[in-house]
Amino acid sequence: MVRSMANTVEEYLGQLPDDRRAAIAEVRAAILANLPEGVVETMNWGMIAYEVPLETFADTYNKKPLLYAALASQKNHMAVYLTTVYSNPELEDWFRQKYEATGKRLDMGKSCVRFKKIDQLPVDLIGETIGKVTLDQFLDAYRSIKG
């Protein structure tokens, strides 16, 4: 699955093979347990998205909700997208150090952490990272970047 046309998270999960469904569900649970108040889970851009609703913050560059994080099953891997890490060099350094300390191999792009099996991902660290940035901090960072 590269880009899902699912309308709900449940529909998205139902389209996944059993092993990926279990992995995505485990990461999703860690995200939801640590998600800052005001950030909501939706389906957007063909993946599970964690966004700031337009009702909360509408002044976005593309008139779409700001993406706080996302979770997806891609063709050759699964990925969790950590936009807070991408937009904060100090948090990125912290994340990379913590990840390295787990002994697991980090496969990371600008914001996406790729994994093929759940045991390759430190799920607790993903949850901790999600909880490190409040909604207000996230919006302040966005405002400072946008100018």
N, C-alpha and C. Protein backbone atom coordinates (compact mmCIF):
# COMPACT_ATOMS: atom_id res chain seq x y z
N MET A 1 0.85 -1.17 0.00
CA MET A 1 0.00 0.00 0.00
C MET A 1 0.89 1.23 0.00
N VAL A 2 0.75 2.08 -0.96
CA VAL A 2 1.53 3.30 -1.02
C VAL A 2 0.70 4.46 -0.49
N ARG A 3 -0.47 4.65 -1.03
CA ARG A 3 -1.36 5.72 -0.57
C ARG A 3 -2.76 5.14 -0.47
N SER A 4 -3.25 5.09 0.72
CA SER A 4 -4.56 4.51 0.96
C SER A 4 -5.66 5.49 0.63
N MET A 5 -6.77 4.98 0.16
CA MET A 5 -7.96 5.79 -0.07
C MET A 5 -8.96 5.61 1.08
N ALA A 6 -8.52 4.99 2.17
CA ALA A 6 -9.39 4.76 3.32
C ALA A 6 -9.88 6.08 3.88
N ASN A 7 -11.10 6.08 4.37
CA ASN A 7 -11.69 7.28 4.97
C ASN A 7 -11.57 7.30 6.48
N THR A 8 -11.34 6.14 7.09
CA THR A 8 -11.22 6.06 8.54
C THR A 8 -9.97 5.27 8.90
N VAL A 9 -9.52 5.47 10.12
CA VAL A 9 -8.35 4.72 10.59
C VAL A 9 -8.68 3.24 10.62
N GLU A 10 -9.87 2.88 11.05
CA GLU A 10 -10.26 1.48 11.12
C GLU A 10 -10.24 0.84 9.72
N GLU A 11 -10.72 1.58 8.73
CA GLU A 11 -10.70 1.09 7.36
C GLU A 11 -9.26 0.92 6.88
N TYR A 12 -8.41 1.88 7.20
CA TYR A 12 -6.99 1.81 6.84
C TYR A 12 -6.35 0.57 7.44
N LEU A 13 -6.55 0.38 8.74
CA LEU A 13 -5.97 -0.79 9.41
C LEU A 13 -6.50 -2.09 8.81
N GLY A 14 -7.78 -2.10 8.45
CA GLY A 14 -8.39 -3.30 7.88
C GLY A 14 -7.82 -3.69 6.52
N GLN A 15 -7.19 -2.75 5.84
CA GLN A 15 -6.60 -3.03 4.52
C GLN A 15 -5.19 -3.60 4.63
N LEU A 16 -4.61 -3.59 5.81
CA LEU A 16 -3.22 -4.02 5.98
C LEU A 16 -3.11 -5.52 6.20
N PRO A 17 -2.00 -6.12 5.78
CA PRO A 17 -1.74 -7.52 6.14
C PRO A 17 -1.61 -7.62 7.66
N ASP A 18 -1.85 -8.81 8.21
CA ASP A 18 -1.89 -8.99 9.66
C ASP A 18 -0.65 -8.47 10.38
N ASP A 19 0.55 -8.78 9.86
CA ASP A 19 1.77 -8.36 10.55
C ASP A 19 1.91 -6.84 10.57
N ARG A 20 1.58 -6.21 9.48
CA ARG A 20 1.67 -4.74 9.43
C ARG A 20 0.56 -4.10 10.26
N ARG A 21 -0.62 -4.70 10.26
CA ARG A 21 -1.72 -4.17 11.06
C ARG A 21 -1.31 -4.17 12.54
N ALA A 22 -0.71 -5.25 12.99
CA ALA A 22 -0.29 -5.34 14.39
C ALA A 22 0.79 -4.31 14.70
N ALA A 23 1.75 -4.15 13.79
CA ALA A 23 2.84 -3.19 14.01
C ALA A 23 2.31 -1.76 14.04
N ILE A 24 1.49 -1.41 13.06
CA ILE A 24 0.94 -0.05 12.99
C ILE A 24 0.06 0.20 14.21
N ALA A 25 -0.72 -0.79 14.63
CA ALA A 25 -1.58 -0.63 15.80
C ALA A 25 -0.76 -0.39 17.07
N GLU A 26 0.38 -1.05 17.19
CA GLU A 26 1.23 -0.86 18.37
C GLU A 26 1.83 0.55 18.40
N VAL A 27 2.30 1.01 17.26
CA VAL A 27 2.86 2.37 17.20
C VAL A 27 1.74 3.39 17.41
N ARG A 28 0.60 3.14 16.83
CA ARG A 28 -0.55 4.03 16.99
C ARG A 28 -0.92 4.17 18.46
N ALA A 29 -0.93 3.06 19.19
CA ALA A 29 -1.27 3.10 20.62
C ALA A 29 -0.28 3.97 21.39
N ALA A 30 1.00 3.87 21.06
CA ALA A 30 2.02 4.70 21.72
C ALA A 30 1.83 6.18 21.39
N ILE A 31 1.47 6.45 20.15
CA ILE A 31 1.22 7.84 19.75
C ILE A 31 0.01 8.38 20.48
N LEU A 32 -1.09 7.65 20.46
CA LEU A 32 -2.32 8.13 21.10
C LEU A 32 -2.15 8.32 22.60
N ALA A 33 -1.35 7.47 23.24
CA ALA A 33 -1.13 7.59 24.68
C ALA A 33 -0.34 8.84 25.04
N ASN A 34 0.38 9.41 24.09
CA ASN A 34 1.26 10.54 24.36
C ASN A 34 0.91 11.80 23.56
N LEU A 35 -0.14 11.73 22.78
CA LEU A 35 -0.52 12.83 21.90
C LEU A 35 -0.93 14.06 22.70
N PRO A 36 -0.34 15.21 22.40
CA PRO A 36 -0.72 16.42 23.13
C PRO A 36 -2.20 16.77 22.94
N GLU A 37 -2.76 17.35 23.97
CA GLU A 37 -4.15 17.80 23.89
C GLU A 37 -4.27 18.82 22.76
N GLY A 38 -5.31 18.68 21.95
CA GLY A 38 -5.55 19.59 20.84
C GLY A 38 -5.11 19.05 19.50
N VAL A 39 -4.31 18.00 19.51
CA VAL A 39 -3.90 17.33 18.27
C VAL A 39 -4.84 16.15 18.09
N VAL A 40 -5.37 15.97 16.88
CA VAL A 40 -6.37 14.94 16.65
C VAL A 40 -5.89 13.93 15.61
N GLU A 41 -6.40 12.71 15.73
CA GLU A 41 -6.10 11.64 14.77
C GLU A 41 -7.13 11.70 13.64
N THR A 42 -6.63 11.68 12.42
CA THR A 42 -7.49 11.69 11.23
C THR A 42 -6.87 10.78 10.17
N MET A 43 -7.55 10.67 9.06
CA MET A 43 -6.96 10.10 7.85
C MET A 43 -6.74 11.27 6.90
N ASN A 44 -5.51 11.45 6.47
CA ASN A 44 -5.20 12.52 5.54
C ASN A 44 -3.94 12.13 4.78
N TRP A 45 -3.83 12.57 3.58
CA TRP A 45 -2.67 12.28 2.73
C TRP A 45 -2.43 10.78 2.58
N GLY A 46 -3.50 9.98 2.69
CA GLY A 46 -3.40 8.55 2.51
C GLY A 46 -2.76 7.81 3.66
N MET A 47 -2.71 8.42 4.83
CA MET A 47 -2.11 7.77 6.00
C MET A 47 -2.81 8.25 7.26
N ILE A 48 -2.47 7.62 8.37
CA ILE A 48 -3.00 8.07 9.65
C ILE A 48 -2.24 9.34 10.01
N ALA A 49 -2.99 10.41 10.20
CA ALA A 49 -2.38 11.70 10.45
C ALA A 49 -2.78 12.21 11.84
N TYR A 50 -1.86 12.91 12.46
CA TYR A 50 -2.09 13.56 13.75
C TYR A 50 -1.90 15.04 13.48
N GLU A 51 -3.01 15.77 13.54
CA GLU A 51 -3.03 17.14 13.01
C GLU A 51 -3.59 18.14 14.01
N VAL A 52 -3.29 19.39 13.73
CA VAL A 52 -3.90 20.51 14.44
C VAL A 52 -5.09 20.93 13.60
N PRO A 53 -6.30 20.77 14.11
CA PRO A 53 -7.49 21.11 13.31
C PRO A 53 -7.49 22.59 12.90
N LEU A 54 -8.06 22.85 11.75
CA LEU A 54 -8.16 24.23 11.27
C LEU A 54 -8.97 25.10 12.24
N GLU A 55 -9.89 24.50 12.97
CA GLU A 55 -10.67 25.25 13.95
C GLU A 55 -9.77 25.78 15.07
N THR A 56 -8.66 25.08 15.31
CA THR A 56 -7.71 25.49 16.34
C THR A 56 -6.69 26.46 15.79
N PHE A 57 -6.19 26.19 14.57
CA PHE A 57 -5.18 27.03 13.94
C PHE A 57 -5.37 26.98 12.44
N ALA A 58 -5.87 28.08 11.88
CA ALA A 58 -6.21 28.10 10.45
C ALA A 58 -5.18 28.81 9.58
N ASP A 59 -4.23 29.50 10.19
CA ASP A 59 -3.27 30.31 9.42
C ASP A 59 -2.11 29.46 8.91
N THR A 60 -2.43 28.49 8.05
CA THR A 60 -1.40 27.60 7.51
C THR A 60 -1.05 28.01 6.09
N TYR A 61 0.13 27.63 5.66
CA TYR A 61 0.60 28.04 4.33
C TYR A 61 -0.23 27.45 3.21
N ASN A 62 -0.83 26.28 3.43
CA ASN A 62 -1.58 25.62 2.36
C ASN A 62 -3.07 25.49 2.68
N LYS A 63 -3.50 26.14 3.75
CA LYS A 63 -4.92 26.11 4.18
C LYS A 63 -5.38 24.71 4.57
N LYS A 64 -4.43 23.84 4.91
CA LYS A 64 -4.74 22.49 5.41
C LYS A 64 -4.25 22.40 6.84
N PRO A 65 -4.77 21.45 7.62
CA PRO A 65 -4.32 21.30 9.00
C PRO A 65 -2.81 21.05 9.07
N LEU A 66 -2.18 21.59 10.13
CA LEU A 66 -0.76 21.33 10.34
C LEU A 66 -0.56 19.89 10.78
N LEU A 67 0.40 19.24 10.16
CA LEU A 67 0.70 17.85 10.47
C LEU A 67 1.69 17.78 11.63
N TYR A 68 1.26 17.22 12.73
CA TYR A 68 2.11 17.05 13.91
C TYR A 68 2.92 15.75 13.77
N ALA A 69 2.27 14.71 13.31
CA ALA A 69 2.92 13.41 13.11
C ALA A 69 2.04 12.59 12.18
N ALA A 70 2.57 11.48 11.70
CA ALA A 70 1.79 10.59 10.84
C ALA A 70 2.34 9.18 10.95
N LEU A 71 1.55 8.24 10.49
CA LEU A 71 1.90 6.83 10.55
C LEU A 71 1.39 6.17 9.28
N ALA A 72 2.27 5.40 8.61
CA ALA A 72 1.86 4.84 7.32
C ALA A 72 2.54 3.51 7.05
N SER A 73 1.85 2.72 6.26
CA SER A 73 2.40 1.49 5.71
C SER A 73 2.68 1.77 4.24
N GLN A 74 3.96 1.82 3.90
CA GLN A 74 4.37 2.09 2.53
C GLN A 74 4.64 0.77 1.81
N LYS A 75 5.03 0.85 0.56
CA LYS A 75 5.25 -0.36 -0.23
C LYS A 75 6.32 -1.26 0.38
N ASN A 76 7.48 -0.69 0.73
CA ASN A 76 8.60 -1.50 1.19
C ASN A 76 8.93 -1.35 2.67
N HIS A 77 8.15 -0.55 3.39
CA HIS A 77 8.41 -0.34 4.81
C HIS A 77 7.19 0.33 5.45
N MET A 78 7.26 0.45 6.75
CA MET A 78 6.31 1.27 7.49
C MET A 78 7.07 2.50 7.96
N ALA A 79 6.36 3.56 8.27
CA ALA A 79 7.04 4.79 8.69
C ALA A 79 6.20 5.57 9.68
N VAL A 80 6.89 6.17 10.62
CA VAL A 80 6.27 7.15 11.51
C VAL A 80 6.95 8.48 11.18
N TYR A 81 6.14 9.50 10.95
CA TYR A 81 6.62 10.82 10.56
C TYR A 81 6.57 11.73 11.78
N LEU A 82 7.72 12.24 12.18
CA LEU A 82 7.84 13.06 13.37
C LEU A 82 8.20 14.48 12.97
N THR A 83 7.20 15.28 12.65
CA THR A 83 7.49 16.64 12.19
C THR A 83 8.08 17.51 13.29
N THR A 84 7.81 17.18 14.54
CA THR A 84 8.39 17.95 15.63
C THR A 84 9.91 17.76 15.67
N VAL A 85 10.38 16.59 15.34
CA VAL A 85 11.81 16.31 15.30
C VAL A 85 12.44 17.04 14.11
N TYR A 86 11.76 17.02 12.99
CA TYR A 86 12.24 17.70 11.78
C TYR A 86 12.40 19.20 12.00
N SER A 87 11.50 19.79 12.74
CA SER A 87 11.50 21.25 12.88
C SER A 87 12.29 21.75 14.09
N ASN A 88 12.90 20.84 14.85
CA ASN A 88 13.60 21.24 16.07
C ASN A 88 14.94 20.52 16.16
N PRO A 89 16.04 21.18 15.80
CA PRO A 89 17.36 20.52 15.81
C PRO A 89 17.76 19.95 17.17
N GLU A 90 17.40 20.63 18.25
CA GLU A 90 17.73 20.10 19.59
C GLU A 90 16.98 18.81 19.86
N LEU A 91 15.71 18.79 19.50
CA LEU A 91 14.91 17.58 19.68
C LEU A 91 15.43 16.47 18.78
N GLU A 92 15.84 16.81 17.57
CA GLU A 92 16.39 15.80 16.67
C GLU A 92 17.65 15.19 17.26
N ASP A 93 18.55 16.00 17.80
CA ASP A 93 19.76 15.47 18.43
C ASP A 93 19.41 14.55 19.59
N TRP A 94 18.49 14.99 20.45
CA TRP A 94 18.03 14.17 21.57
C TRP A 94 17.49 12.84 21.07
N PHE A 95 16.61 12.90 20.04
CA PHE A 95 15.99 11.70 19.50
C PHE A 95 17.03 10.73 18.95
N ARG A 96 17.96 11.23 18.17
CA ARG A 96 19.00 10.37 17.59
C ARG A 96 19.85 9.72 18.67
N GLN A 97 20.21 10.46 19.71
CA GLN A 97 21.00 9.89 20.80
C GLN A 97 20.22 8.81 21.54
N LYS A 98 18.96 9.09 21.85
CA LYS A 98 18.11 8.11 22.53
C LYS A 98 17.91 6.86 21.67
N TYR A 99 17.71 7.07 20.38
CA TYR A 99 17.51 5.96 19.46
C TYR A 99 18.76 5.08 19.42
N GLU A 100 19.92 5.73 19.28
CA GLU A 100 21.18 5.00 19.23
C GLU A 100 21.39 4.18 20.50
N ALA A 101 21.00 4.74 21.64
CA ALA A 101 21.16 4.05 22.92
C ALA A 101 20.31 2.78 23.01
N THR A 102 19.29 2.65 22.17
CA THR A 102 18.46 1.44 22.18
C THR A 102 19.17 0.27 21.51
N GLY A 103 20.20 0.57 20.71
CA GLY A 103 20.90 -0.49 19.98
C GLY A 103 20.23 -0.85 18.66
N LYS A 104 19.13 -0.21 18.38
CA LYS A 104 18.43 -0.47 17.12
C LYS A 104 18.98 0.45 16.03
N ARG A 105 18.95 -0.02 14.80
CA ARG A 105 19.45 0.76 13.67
C ARG A 105 18.41 1.80 13.25
N LEU A 106 18.82 3.06 13.21
CA LEU A 106 17.93 4.15 12.81
C LEU A 106 17.97 4.32 11.30
N ASP A 107 16.82 4.22 10.67
CA ASP A 107 16.66 4.49 9.25
C ASP A 107 15.72 5.69 9.17
N MET A 108 16.30 6.88 9.02
CA MET A 108 15.52 8.10 9.14
C MET A 108 15.80 9.05 7.99
N GLY A 109 14.72 9.60 7.44
CA GLY A 109 14.82 10.70 6.49
C GLY A 109 14.73 12.00 7.27
N LYS A 110 14.16 13.03 6.66
CA LYS A 110 14.05 14.31 7.36
C LYS A 110 13.11 14.22 8.55
N SER A 111 11.98 13.57 8.37
CA SER A 111 11.06 13.41 9.50
C SER A 111 10.58 11.97 9.66
N CYS A 112 10.82 11.14 8.67
CA CYS A 112 10.27 9.79 8.74
C CYS A 112 11.27 8.79 9.29
N VAL A 113 10.78 7.97 10.20
CA VAL A 113 11.55 6.86 10.74
C VAL A 113 10.97 5.61 10.12
N ARG A 114 11.77 4.94 9.29
CA ARG A 114 11.32 3.77 8.56
C ARG A 114 11.66 2.49 9.32
N PHE A 115 10.76 1.52 9.23
CA PHE A 115 11.00 0.22 9.84
C PHE A 115 10.24 -0.85 9.06
N LYS A 116 10.76 -2.06 9.05
CA LYS A 116 10.10 -3.17 8.35
C LYS A 116 9.38 -4.10 9.30
N LYS A 117 9.88 -4.19 10.53
CA LYS A 117 9.25 -5.03 11.56
C LYS A 117 9.21 -4.23 12.85
N ILE A 118 8.23 -4.51 13.66
CA ILE A 118 8.02 -3.73 14.88
C ILE A 118 9.21 -3.84 15.83
N ASP A 119 9.91 -4.96 15.83
CA ASP A 119 11.04 -5.10 16.75
C ASP A 119 12.24 -4.25 16.32
N GLN A 120 12.17 -3.61 15.16
CA GLN A 120 13.22 -2.70 14.71
C GLN A 120 12.99 -1.27 15.22
N LEU A 121 11.86 -1.03 15.85
CA LEU A 121 11.47 0.31 16.26
C LEU A 121 11.33 0.39 17.78
N PRO A 122 12.00 1.35 18.43
CA PRO A 122 11.78 1.55 19.87
C PRO A 122 10.46 2.30 20.09
N VAL A 123 9.39 1.55 20.20
CA VAL A 123 8.05 2.13 20.26
C VAL A 123 7.91 3.09 21.44
N ASP A 124 8.49 2.75 22.59
CA ASP A 124 8.40 3.64 23.75
C ASP A 124 9.04 5.00 23.46
N LEU A 125 10.15 4.99 22.72
CA LEU A 125 10.81 6.24 22.36
C LEU A 125 9.94 7.07 21.42
N ILE A 126 9.24 6.41 20.51
CA ILE A 126 8.31 7.13 19.62
C ILE A 126 7.25 7.84 20.46
N GLY A 127 6.67 7.11 21.40
CA GLY A 127 5.67 7.72 22.28
C GLY A 127 6.23 8.87 23.08
N GLU A 128 7.41 8.68 23.65
CA GLU A 128 8.05 9.74 24.44
C GLU A 128 8.29 10.98 23.58
N THR A 129 8.74 10.76 22.35
CA THR A 129 9.02 11.87 21.43
C THR A 129 7.74 12.62 21.09
N ILE A 130 6.67 11.89 20.84
CA ILE A 130 5.37 12.51 20.54
C ILE A 130 4.95 13.43 21.68
N GLY A 131 5.18 13.00 22.91
CA GLY A 131 4.74 13.76 24.07
C GLY A 131 5.65 14.91 24.47
N LYS A 132 6.78 15.06 23.83
CA LYS A 132 7.74 16.09 24.23
C LYS A 132 7.37 17.51 23.80
N VAL A 133 6.52 17.65 22.81
CA VAL A 133 6.19 18.98 22.27
C VAL A 133 4.70 19.23 22.44
N THR A 134 4.37 20.25 23.21
CA THR A 134 2.96 20.60 23.40
C THR A 134 2.42 21.26 22.14
N LEU A 135 1.12 21.38 22.09
CA LEU A 135 0.49 22.06 20.96
C LEU A 135 0.98 23.51 20.86
N ASP A 136 1.05 24.21 21.99
CA ASP A 136 1.52 25.60 21.96
C ASP A 136 2.96 25.69 21.47
N GLN A 137 3.82 24.79 21.92
CA GLN A 137 5.22 24.80 21.45
C GLN A 137 5.28 24.53 19.95
N PHE A 138 4.47 23.60 19.49
CA PHE A 138 4.44 23.25 18.07
C PHE A 138 3.99 24.46 17.24
N LEU A 139 2.95 25.14 17.68
CA LEU A 139 2.45 26.30 16.96
C LEU A 139 3.44 27.46 17.01
N ASP A 140 4.11 27.64 18.14
CA ASP A 140 5.14 28.68 18.23
C ASP A 140 6.27 28.41 17.25
N ALA A 141 6.69 27.15 17.15
CA ALA A 141 7.75 26.79 16.20
C ALA A 141 7.30 27.04 14.77
N TYR A 142 6.06 26.68 14.47
CA TYR A 142 5.54 26.93 13.12
C TYR A 142 5.53 28.42 12.81
N ARG A 143 5.05 29.21 13.75
CA ARG A 143 5.00 30.67 13.54
C ARG A 143 6.40 31.25 13.31
N SER A 144 7.38 30.75 14.04
CA SER A 144 8.74 31.29 13.91
C SER A 144 9.37 30.91 12.56
N ILE A 145 9.01 29.74 12.05
CA ILE A 145 9.52 29.31 10.75
C ILE A 145 8.80 30.06 9.63
N LYS A 146 7.50 30.21 9.79
CA LYS A 146 6.69 30.89 8.77
C LYS A 146 7.04 32.37 8.66
N GLY A 147 7.40 32.94 9.82
CA GLY A 147 7.81 34.37 9.83
C GLY A 147 6.72 35.29 9.87
